Amino acid sequence: MEGGTTFHFVTDGIEVALEQARQAADGRDVRIGGGASTIQQFLRAGLVDELHVVVVPILLGAGERLFDGVGDAIDALEMSEFVPSTEVTHVRFTRSTD
């Protein structure tokens, strides 16, 4: 893509995808993008240190519940930032240090 963005599709599971991303990042942060199912998989595996959720007050289709099926995994995160506005709300969760 223009600007140097490259996409790699990994079918060997989330752990392999994350390891490849970490190697490519060479010590920098790794960001995971995807729909609810992708995020749920990483949450259930305990592989999320920080989660940035952007809420826009528009419903496309039926929508998906982001935290369905993650069990106690969500308990490892605490809300660290909440920035509301009429157009978009940003909520940041970070891994609890407890």
PDB file of N, CA and C in Angstrom:
ATOM      1  N   MET A   1       0.837  -1.186   0.000  1.00  0.00           N
ATOM      2  CA  MET A   1       0.000   0.000   0.000  1.00  0.00           C
ATOM      3  C   MET A   1       0.880   1.247   0.000  1.00  0.00           C
ATOM      4  N   GLU A   2       0.296   2.333  -0.415  1.00  0.00           N
ATOM      5  CA  GLU A   2       0.996   3.604  -0.402  1.00  0.00           C
ATOM      6  C   GLU A   2       1.437   3.929   1.028  1.00  0.00           C
ATOM      7  N   GLY A   3       2.644   4.387   1.185  1.00  0.00           N
ATOM      8  CA  GLY A   3       3.157   4.701   2.518  1.00  0.00           C
ATOM      9  C   GLY A   3       3.869   3.537   3.180  1.00  0.00           C
ATOM     10  N   GLY A   4       3.853   2.367   2.558  1.00  0.00           N
ATOM     11  CA  GLY A   4       4.603   1.249   3.087  1.00  0.00           C
ATOM     12  C   GLY A   4       3.831   0.265   3.949  1.00  0.00           C
ATOM     13  N   THR A   5       2.524   0.415   4.060  1.00  0.00           N
ATOM     14  CA  THR A   5       1.728  -0.526   4.853  1.00  0.00           C
ATOM     15  C   THR A   5       1.658  -1.865   4.129  1.00  0.00           C
ATOM     16  N   THR A   6       1.903  -2.933   4.871  1.00  0.00           N
ATOM     17  CA  THR A   6       1.848  -4.278   4.316  1.00  0.00           C
ATOM     18  C   THR A   6       0.929  -5.127   5.175  1.00  0.00           C
ATOM     19  N   PHE A   7       0.114  -5.948   4.555  1.00  0.00           N
ATOM     20  CA  PHE A   7      -0.767  -6.854   5.266  1.00  0.00           C
ATOM     21  C   PHE A   7      -0.286  -8.281   5.040  1.00  0.00           C
ATOM     22  N   HIS A   8      -0.257  -9.053   6.119  1.00  0.00           N
ATOM     23  CA  HIS A   8       0.086 -10.474   6.048  1.00  0.00           C
ATOM     24  C   HIS A   8      -1.077 -11.241   6.672  1.00  0.00           C
ATOM     25  N   PHE A   9      -1.566 -12.231   5.984  1.00  0.00           N
ATOM     26  CA  PHE A   9      -2.671 -13.030   6.491  1.00  0.00           C
ATOM     27  C   PHE A   9      -2.097 -14.322   7.068  1.00  0.00           C
ATOM     28  N   VAL A  10      -2.398 -14.577   8.346  1.00  0.00           N
ATOM     29  CA  VAL A  10      -1.854 -15.715   9.064  1.00  0.00           C
ATOM     30  C   VAL A  10      -3.014 -16.631   9.434  1.00  0.00           C
ATOM     31  N   THR A  11      -2.875 -17.899   9.105  1.00  0.00           N
ATOM     32  CA  THR A  11      -3.952 -18.859   9.388  1.00  0.00           C
ATOM     33  C   THR A  11      -3.547 -19.888  10.439  1.00  0.00           C
ATOM     34  N   ASP A  12      -2.398 -19.676  11.093  1.00  0.00           N
ATOM     35  CA  ASP A  12      -1.894 -20.636  12.079  1.00  0.00           C
ATOM     36  C   ASP A  12      -2.300 -20.314  13.508  1.00  0.00           C
ATOM     37  N   GLY A  13      -3.200 -19.365  13.704  1.00  0.00           N
ATOM     38  CA  GLY A  13      -3.660 -19.021  15.040  1.00  0.00           C
ATOM     39  C   GLY A  13      -3.138 -17.670  15.494  1.00  0.00           C
ATOM     40  N   ILE A  14      -3.771 -17.156  16.545  1.00  0.00           N
ATOM     41  CA  ILE A  14      -3.453 -15.803  17.005  1.00  0.00           C
ATOM     42  C   ILE A  14      -2.069 -15.701  17.625  1.00  0.00           C
ATOM     43  N   GLU A  15      -1.608 -16.757  18.288  1.00  0.00           N
ATOM     44  CA  GLU A  15      -0.286 -16.705  18.904  1.00  0.00           C
ATOM     45  C   GLU A  15       0.801 -16.570  17.843  1.00  0.00           C
ATOM     46  N   VAL A  16       0.665 -17.312  16.749  1.00  0.00           N
ATOM     47  CA  VAL A  16       1.634 -17.236  15.653  1.00  0.00           C
ATOM     48  C   VAL A  16       1.565 -15.856  14.998  1.00  0.00           C
ATOM     49  N   ALA A  17       0.354 -15.351  14.790  1.00  0.00           N
ATOM     50  CA  ALA A  17       0.195 -14.021  14.196  1.00  0.00           C
ATOM     51  C   ALA A  17       0.844 -12.954  15.074  1.00  0.00           C
ATOM     52  N   LEU A  18       0.639 -13.051  16.380  1.00  0.00           N
ATOM     53  CA  LEU A  18       1.220 -12.073  17.300  1.00  0.00           C
ATOM     54  C   LEU A  18       2.739 -12.169  17.305  1.00  0.00           C
ATOM     55  N   GLU A  19       3.281 -13.368  17.299  1.00  0.00           N
ATOM     56  CA  GLU A  19       4.735 -13.528  17.285  1.00  0.00           C
ATOM     57  C   GLU A  19       5.332 -12.947  16.008  1.00  0.00           C
ATOM     58  N   GLN A  20       4.693 -13.172  14.876  1.00  0.00           N
ATOM     59  CA  GLN A  20       5.185 -12.594  13.621  1.00  0.00           C
ATOM     60  C   GLN A  20       5.117 -11.071  13.665  1.00  0.00           C
ATOM     61  N   ALA A  21       4.049 -10.540  14.248  1.00  0.00           N
ATOM     62  CA  ALA A  21       3.899  -9.083  14.362  1.00  0.00           C
ATOM     63  C   ALA A  21       4.970  -8.508  15.278  1.00  0.00           C
ATOM     64  N   ARG A  22       5.261  -9.188  16.377  1.00  0.00           N
ATOM     65  CA  ARG A  22       6.306  -8.714  17.304  1.00  0.00           C
ATOM     66  C   ARG A  22       7.676  -8.698  16.623  1.00  0.00           C
ATOM     67  N   GLN A  23       7.966  -9.740  15.862  1.00  0.00           N
ATOM     68  CA  GLN A  23       9.244  -9.782  15.144  1.00  0.00           C
ATOM     69  C   GLN A  23       9.325  -8.640  14.134  1.00  0.00           C
ATOM     70  N   ALA A  24       8.245  -8.409  13.411  1.00  0.00           N
ATOM     71  CA  ALA A  24       8.231  -7.337  12.412  1.00  0.00           C
ATOM     72  C   ALA A  24       8.312  -5.961  13.068  1.00  0.00           C
ATOM     73  N   ALA A  25       7.750  -5.833  14.275  1.00  0.00           N
ATOM     74  CA  ALA A  25       7.731  -4.539  14.973  1.00  0.00           C
ATOM     75  C   ALA A  25       9.091  -4.183  15.549  1.00  0.00           C
ATOM     76  N   ASP A  26       9.945  -5.173  15.748  1.00  0.00           N
ATOM     77  CA  ASP A  26      11.310  -4.932  16.220  1.00  0.00           C
ATOM     78  C   ASP A  26      11.353  -4.043  17.465  1.00  0.00           C
ATOM     79  N   GLY A  27      10.570  -4.427  18.481  1.00  0.00           N
ATOM     80  CA  GLY A  27      10.582  -3.707  19.753  1.00  0.00           C
ATOM     81  C   GLY A  27       9.541  -2.608  19.875  1.00  0.00           C
ATOM     82  N   ARG A  28       8.891  -2.269  18.793  1.00  0.00           N
ATOM     83  CA  ARG A  28       7.843  -1.242  18.859  1.00  0.00           C
ATOM     84  C   ARG A  28       6.516  -1.894  19.236  1.00  0.00           C
ATOM     85  N   ASP A  29       5.520  -1.071  19.517  1.00  0.00           N
ATOM     86  CA  ASP A  29       4.192  -1.573  19.867  1.00  0.00           C
ATOM     87  C   ASP A  29       3.564  -2.319  18.695  1.00  0.00           C
ATOM     88  N   VAL A  30       2.743  -3.302  19.027  1.00  0.00           N
ATOM     89  CA  VAL A  30       1.979  -4.048  18.035  1.00  0.00           C
ATOM     90  C   VAL A  30       0.509  -3.719  18.247  1.00  0.00           C
ATOM     91  N   ARG A  31      -0.169  -3.369  17.178  1.00  0.00           N
ATOM     92  CA  ARG A  31      -1.606  -3.085  17.240  1.00  0.00           C
ATOM     93  C   ARG A  31      -2.368  -4.152  16.478  1.00  0.00           C
ATOM     94  N   ILE A  32      -3.468  -4.579  17.068  1.00  0.00           N
ATOM     95  CA  ILE A  32      -4.309  -5.603  16.463  1.00  0.00           C
ATOM     96  C   ILE A  32      -5.560  -4.919  15.940  1.00  0.00           C
ATOM     97  N   GLY A  33      -5.867  -5.127  14.696  1.00  0.00           N
ATOM     98  CA  GLY A  33      -7.093  -4.584  14.122  1.00  0.00           C
ATOM     99  C   GLY A  33      -7.989  -5.724  13.692  1.00  0.00           C
ATOM    100  N   GLY A  34      -9.257  -5.493  13.779  1.00  0.00           N
ATOM    101  CA  GLY A  34     -10.174  -6.529  13.343  1.00  0.00           C
ATOM    102  C   GLY A  34     -11.534  -6.319  13.952  1.00  0.00           C
ATOM    103  N   GLY A  35     -12.401  -7.213  13.668  1.00  0.00           N
ATOM    104  CA  GLY A  35     -13.743  -7.144  14.209  1.00  0.00           C
ATOM    105  C   GLY A  35     -13.814  -7.740  15.605  1.00  0.00           C
ATOM    106  N   ALA A  36     -15.031  -7.830  16.106  1.00  0.00           N
ATOM    107  CA  ALA A  36     -15.263  -8.316  17.466  1.00  0.00           C
ATOM    108  C   ALA A  36     -14.672  -9.707  17.687  1.00  0.00           C
ATOM    109  N   SER A  37     -14.814 -10.596  16.733  1.00  0.00           N
ATOM    110  CA  SER A  37     -14.317 -11.967  16.893  1.00  0.00           C
ATOM    111  C   SER A  37     -12.803 -11.996  17.087  1.00  0.00           C
ATOM    112  N   THR A  38     -12.089 -11.204  16.312  1.00  0.00           N
ATOM    113  CA  THR A  38     -10.628 -11.152  16.438  1.00  0.00           C
ATOM    114  C   THR A  38     -10.227 -10.639  17.812  1.00  0.00           C
ATOM    115  N   ILE A  39     -10.824  -9.541  18.238  1.00  0.00           N
ATOM    116  CA  ILE A  39     -10.496  -8.953  19.534  1.00  0.00           C
ATOM    117  C   ILE A  39     -10.850  -9.913  20.666  1.00  0.00           C
ATOM    118  N   GLN A  40     -11.999 -10.584  20.571  1.00  0.00           N
ATOM    119  CA  GLN A  40     -12.410 -11.542  21.592  1.00  0.00           C
ATOM    120  C   GLN A  40     -11.390 -12.660  21.745  1.00  0.00           C
ATOM    121  N   GLN A  41     -10.845 -13.150  20.638  1.00  0.00           N
ATOM    122  CA  GLN A  41      -9.846 -14.219  20.702  1.00  0.00           C
ATOM    123  C   GLN A  41      -8.606 -13.768  21.478  1.00  0.00           C
ATOM    124  N   PHE A  42      -8.126 -12.565  21.186  1.00  0.00           N
ATOM    125  CA  PHE A  42      -6.941 -12.054  21.875  1.00  0.00           C
ATOM    126  C   PHE A  42      -7.236 -11.761  23.346  1.00  0.00           C
ATOM    127  N   LEU A  43      -8.437 -11.262  23.649  1.00  0.00           N
ATOM    128  CA  LEU A  43      -8.816 -11.022  25.045  1.00  0.00           C
ATOM    129  C   LEU A  43      -8.858 -12.329  25.829  1.00  0.00           C
ATOM    130  N   ARG A  44      -9.526 -13.347  25.272  1.00  0.00           N
ATOM    131  CA  ARG A  44      -9.636 -14.641  25.957  1.00  0.00           C
ATOM    132  C   ARG A  44      -8.265 -15.253  26.212  1.00  0.00           C
ATOM    133  N   ALA A  45      -7.320 -15.030  25.309  1.00  0.00           N
ATOM    134  CA  ALA A  45      -5.974 -15.588  25.459  1.00  0.00           C
ATOM    135  C   ALA A  45      -5.100 -14.749  26.391  1.00  0.00           C
ATOM    136  N   GLY A  46      -5.621 -13.611  26.870  1.00  0.00           N
ATOM    137  CA  GLY A  46      -4.850 -12.756  27.769  1.00  0.00           C
ATOM    138  C   GLY A  46      -3.708 -12.025  27.077  1.00  0.00           C
ATOM    139  N   LEU A  47      -3.861 -11.759  25.787  1.00  0.00           N
ATOM    140  CA  LEU A  47      -2.784 -11.163  25.002  1.00  0.00           C
ATOM    141  C   LEU A  47      -2.964  -9.666  24.744  1.00  0.00           C
ATOM    142  N   VAL A  48      -3.901  -9.033  25.452  1.00  0.00           N
ATOM    143  CA  VAL A  48      -4.158  -7.608  25.254  1.00  0.00           C
ATOM    144  C   VAL A  48      -3.660  -6.831  26.465  1.00  0.00           C
ATOM    145  N   ASP A  49      -2.737  -5.903  26.231  1.00  0.00           N
ATOM    146  CA  ASP A  49      -2.243  -5.033  27.299  1.00  0.00           C
ATOM    147  C   ASP A  49      -3.015  -3.723  27.347  1.00  0.00           C
ATOM    148  N   GLU A  50      -3.477  -3.280  26.206  1.00  0.00           N
ATOM    149  CA  GLU A  50      -4.235  -2.029  26.123  1.00  0.00           C
ATOM    150  C   GLU A  50      -5.274  -2.163  25.016  1.00  0.00           C
ATOM    151  N   LEU A  51      -6.472  -1.656  25.288  1.00  0.00           N
ATOM    152  CA  LEU A  51      -7.568  -1.739  24.328  1.00  0.00           C
ATOM    153  C   LEU A  51      -8.161  -0.354  24.157  1.00  0.00           C
ATOM    154  N   HIS A  52      -8.177   0.137  22.923  1.00  0.00           N
ATOM    155  CA  HIS A  52      -8.747   1.450  22.609  1.00  0.00           C
ATOM    156  C   HIS A  52     -10.021   1.212  21.823  1.00  0.00           C
ATOM    157  N   VAL A  53     -11.156   1.553  22.422  1.00  0.00           N
ATOM    158  CA  VAL A  53     -12.458   1.356  21.792  1.00  0.00           C
ATOM    159  C   VAL A  53     -12.985   2.717  21.360  1.00  0.00           C
ATOM    160  N   VAL A  54     -13.378   2.813  20.112  1.00  0.00           N
ATOM    161  CA  VAL A  54     -13.955   4.039  19.561  1.00  0.00           C
ATOM    162  C   VAL A  54     -15.435   3.767  19.317  1.00  0.00           C
ATOM    163  N   VAL A  55     -16.289   4.548  19.983  1.00  0.00           N
ATOM    164  CA  VAL A  55     -17.730   4.360  19.881  1.00  0.00           C
ATOM    165  C   VAL A  55     -18.316   5.500  19.068  1.00  0.00           C
ATOM    166  N   VAL A  56     -18.941   5.161  17.953  1.00  0.00           N
ATOM    167  CA  VAL A  56     -19.598   6.139  17.092  1.00  0.00           C
ATOM    168  C   VAL A  56     -21.091   5.834  17.143  1.00  0.00           C
ATOM    169  N   PRO A  57     -21.921   6.847  17.379  1.00  0.00           N
ATOM    170  CA  PRO A  57     -23.357   6.591  17.559  1.00  0.00           C
ATOM    171  C   PRO A  57     -24.108   6.296  16.260  1.00  0.00           C
ATOM    172  N   ILE A  58     -23.593   5.329  15.506  1.00  0.00           N
ATOM    173  CA  ILE A  58     -24.245   4.876  14.275  1.00  0.00           C
ATOM    174  C   ILE A  58     -24.213   3.355  14.293  1.00  0.00           C
ATOM    175  N   LEU A  59     -25.333   2.734  14.050  1.00  0.00           N
ATOM    176  CA  LEU A  59     -25.383   1.273  14.036  1.00  0.00           C
ATOM    177  C   LEU A  59     -25.426   0.792  12.599  1.00  0.00           C
ATOM    178  N   LEU A  60     -24.428   0.016  12.217  1.00  0.00           N
ATOM    179  CA  LEU A  60     -24.381  -0.568  10.888  1.00  0.00           C
ATOM    180  C   LEU A  60     -24.776  -2.027  11.004  1.00  0.00           C
ATOM    181  N   GLY A  61     -25.829  -2.413  10.347  1.00  0.00           N
ATOM    182  CA  GLY A  61     -26.287  -3.787  10.457  1.00  0.00           C
ATOM    183  C   GLY A  61     -26.795  -4.061  11.857  1.00  0.00           C
ATOM    184  N   ALA A  62     -26.619  -5.262  12.320  1.00  0.00           N
ATOM    185  CA  ALA A  62     -27.100  -5.646  13.643  1.00  0.00           C
ATOM    186  C   ALA A  62     -26.078  -5.344  14.732  1.00  0.00           C
ATOM    187  N   GLY A  63     -24.839  -5.106  14.329  1.00  0.00           N
ATOM    188  CA  GLY A  63     -23.796  -4.856  15.317  1.00  0.00           C
ATOM    189  C   GLY A  63     -23.342  -6.143  15.990  1.00  0.00           C
ATOM    190  N   GLU A  64     -22.208  -6.067  16.666  1.00  0.00           N
ATOM    191  CA  GLU A  64     -21.683  -7.204  17.414  1.00  0.00           C
ATOM    192  C   GLU A  64     -21.281  -6.722  18.792  1.00  0.00           C
ATOM    193  N   ARG A  65     -21.505  -7.544  19.789  1.00  0.00           N
ATOM    194  CA  ARG A  65     -21.154  -7.190  21.168  1.00  0.00           C
ATOM    195  C   ARG A  65     -19.688  -7.555  21.383  1.00  0.00           C
ATOM    196  N   LEU A  66     -18.867  -6.553  21.616  1.00  0.00           N
ATOM    197  CA  LEU A  66     -17.422  -6.735  21.695  1.00  0.00           C
ATOM    198  C   LEU A  66     -16.987  -7.643  22.839  1.00  0.00           C
ATOM    199  N   PHE A  67     -17.652  -7.564  23.982  1.00  0.00           N
ATOM    200  CA  PHE A  67     -17.188  -8.293  25.151  1.00  0.00           C
ATOM    201  C   PHE A  67     -17.956  -9.595  25.401  1.00  0.00           C
ATOM    202  N   ASP A  68     -18.806 -10.019  24.460  1.00  0.00           N
ATOM    203  CA  ASP A  68     -19.488 -11.310  24.602  1.00  0.00           C
ATOM    204  C   ASP A  68     -18.476 -12.445  24.499  1.00  0.00           C
ATOM    205  N   GLY A  69     -18.620 -13.427  25.352  1.00  0.00           N
ATOM    206  CA  GLY A  69     -17.811 -14.632  25.261  1.00  0.00           C
ATOM    207  C   GLY A  69     -16.368 -14.499  25.705  1.00  0.00           C
ATOM    208  N   VAL A  70     -16.015 -13.395  26.379  1.00  0.00           N
ATOM    209  CA  VAL A  70     -14.624 -13.258  26.827  1.00  0.00           C
ATOM    210  C   VAL A  70     -14.457 -13.688  28.276  1.00  0.00           C
ATOM    211  N   GLY A  71     -15.555 -14.005  28.941  1.00  0.00           N
ATOM    212  CA  GLY A  71     -15.488 -14.502  30.316  1.00  0.00           C
ATOM    213  C   GLY A  71     -14.808 -13.525  31.254  1.00  0.00           C
ATOM    214  N   ASP A  72     -13.944 -14.054  32.115  1.00  0.00           N
ATOM    215  CA  ASP A  72     -13.240 -13.240  33.110  1.00  0.00           C
ATOM    216  C   ASP A  72     -12.085 -12.438  32.517  1.00  0.00           C
ATOM    217  N   ALA A  73     -11.788 -12.635  31.236  1.00  0.00           N
ATOM    218  CA  ALA A  73     -10.654 -11.943  30.613  1.00  0.00           C
ATOM    219  C   ALA A  73     -10.790 -10.431  30.706  1.00  0.00           C
ATOM    220  N   ILE A  74     -12.002  -9.934  30.674  1.00  0.00           N
ATOM    221  CA  ILE A  74     -12.220  -8.485  30.732  1.00  0.00           C
ATOM    222  C   ILE A  74     -11.859  -7.939  32.113  1.00  0.00           C
ATOM    223  N   ASP A  75     -11.886  -8.781  33.131  1.00  0.00           N
ATOM    224  CA  ASP A  75     -11.546  -8.350  34.493  1.00  0.00           C
ATOM    225  C   ASP A  75     -10.080  -7.938  34.620  1.00  0.00           C
ATOM    226  N   ALA A  76      -9.236  -8.378  33.690  1.00  0.00           N
ATOM    227  CA  ALA A  76      -7.816  -8.032  33.727  1.00  0.00           C
ATOM    228  C   ALA A  76      -7.567  -6.608  33.229  1.00  0.00           C
ATOM    229  N   LEU A  77      -8.616  -5.976  32.643  1.00  0.00           N
ATOM    230  CA  LEU A  77      -8.464  -4.624  32.106  1.00  0.00           C
ATOM    231  C   LEU A  77      -9.266  -3.635  32.942  1.00  0.00           C
ATOM    232  N   GLU A  78      -8.740  -2.425  33.075  1.00  0.00           N
ATOM    233  CA  GLU A  78      -9.483  -1.376  33.766  1.00  0.00           C
ATOM    234  C   GLU A  78      -9.527  -0.143  32.867  1.00  0.00           C
ATOM    235  N   MET A  79     -10.615   0.617  32.960  1.00  0.00           N
ATOM    236  CA  MET A  79     -10.742   1.809  32.148  1.00  0.00           C
ATOM    237  C   MET A  79      -9.727   2.841  32.619  1.00  0.00           C
ATOM    238  N   SER A  80      -8.897   3.311  31.697  1.00  0.00           N
ATOM    239  CA  SER A  80      -7.862   4.274  32.052  1.00  0.00           C
ATOM    240  C   SER A  80      -8.102   5.643  31.420  1.00  0.00           C
ATOM    241  N   GLU A  81      -9.000   5.701  30.446  1.00  0.00           N
ATOM    242  CA  GLU A  81      -9.283   6.985  29.803  1.00  0.00           C
ATOM    243  C   GLU A  81     -10.679   6.943  29.199  1.00  0.00           C
ATOM    244  N   PHE A  82     -11.407   8.048  29.320  1.00  0.00           N
ATOM    245  CA  PHE A  82     -12.750   8.172  28.759  1.00  0.00           C
ATOM    246  C   PHE A  82     -12.878   9.584  28.201  1.00  0.00           C
ATOM    247  N   VAL A  83     -12.999   9.701  26.876  1.00  0.00           N
ATOM    248  CA  VAL A  83     -13.075  11.003  26.222  1.00  0.00           C
ATOM    249  C   VAL A  83     -14.344  11.036  25.375  1.00  0.00           C
ATOM    250  N   PRO A  84     -15.421  11.643  25.918  1.00  0.00           N
ATOM    251  CA  PRO A  84     -16.680  11.681  25.171  1.00  0.00           C
ATOM    252  C   PRO A  84     -16.807  12.935  24.307  1.00  0.00           C
ATOM    253  N   SER A  85     -17.615  12.823  23.266  1.00  0.00           N
ATOM    254  CA  SER A  85     -18.036  13.977  22.474  1.00  0.00           C
ATOM    255  C   SER A  85     -19.337  13.592  21.782  1.00  0.00           C
ATOM    256  N   THR A  86     -19.940  14.508  21.085  1.00  0.00           N
ATOM    257  CA  THR A  86     -21.202  14.197  20.403  1.00  0.00           C
ATOM    258  C   THR A  86     -20.980  13.347  19.156  1.00  0.00           C
ATOM    259  N   GLU A  87     -19.768  13.375  18.585  1.00  0.00           N
ATOM    260  CA  GLU A  87     -19.499  12.615  17.364  1.00  0.00           C
ATOM    261  C   GLU A  87     -18.886  11.238  17.620  1.00  0.00           C
ATOM    262  N   VAL A  88     -18.017  11.157  18.627  1.00  0.00           N
ATOM    263  CA  VAL A  88     -17.302   9.913  18.879  1.00  0.00           C
ATOM    264  C   VAL A  88     -16.848   9.899  20.345  1.00  0.00           C
ATOM    265  N   THR A  89     -16.820   8.718  20.923  1.00  0.00           N
ATOM    266  CA  THR A  89     -16.314   8.560  22.286  1.00  0.00           C
ATOM    267  C   THR A  89     -15.154   7.585  22.254  1.00  0.00           C
ATOM    268  N   HIS A  90     -14.069   7.960  22.902  1.00  0.00           N
ATOM    269  CA  HIS A  90     -12.890   7.104  22.996  1.00  0.00           C
ATOM    270  C   HIS A  90     -12.803   6.552  24.417  1.00  0.00           C
ATOM    271  N   VAL A  91     -12.654   5.243  24.525  1.00  0.00           N
ATOM    272  CA  VAL A  91     -12.483   4.602  25.827  1.00  0.00           C
ATOM    273  C   VAL A  91     -11.230   3.740  25.737  1.00  0.00           C
ATOM    274  N   ARG A  92     -10.321   3.948  26.668  1.00  0.00           N
ATOM    275  CA  ARG A  92      -9.082   3.182  26.687  1.00  0.00           C
ATOM    276  C   ARG A  92      -9.055   2.325  27.951  1.00  0.00           C
ATOM    277  N   PHE A  93      -8.746   1.057  27.752  1.00  0.00           N
ATOM    278  CA  PHE A  93      -8.596   0.105  28.851  1.00  0.00           C
ATOM    279  C   PHE A  93      -7.135  -0.347  28.876  1.00  0.00           C
ATOM    280  N   THR A  94      -6.591  -0.516  30.059  1.00  0.00           N
ATOM    281  CA  THR A  94      -5.228  -1.022  30.192  1.00  0.00           C
ATOM    282  C   THR A  94      -5.220  -2.204  31.166  1.00  0.00           C
ATOM    283  N   ARG A  95      -4.241  -3.070  30.960  1.00  0.00           N
ATOM    284  CA  ARG A  95      -4.124  -4.244  31.827  1.00  0.00           C
ATOM    285  C   ARG A  95      -3.904  -3.791  33.256  1.00  0.00           C
ATOM    286  N   SER A  96      -4.680  -4.360  34.145  1.00  0.00           N
ATOM    287  CA  SER A  96      -4.583  -4.036  35.566  1.00  0.00           C
ATOM    288  C   SER A  96      -3.258  -4.512  36.115  1.00  0.00           C
ATOM    289  N   THR A  97      -2.695  -3.745  37.028  1.00  0.00           N
ATOM    290  CA  THR A  97      -1.421  -4.139  37.641  1.00  0.00           C
ATOM    291  C   THR A  97      -1.618  -4.933  38.915  1.00  0.00           C
ATOM    292  N   ASP A  98      -2.874  -5.218  39.267  1.00  0.00           N
ATOM    293  CA  ASP A  98      -3.163  -5.988  40.492  1.00  0.00           C
ATOM    294  C   ASP A  98      -2.807  -7.438  40.336  1.00  0.00           C
TER     295      ASP A  98
END
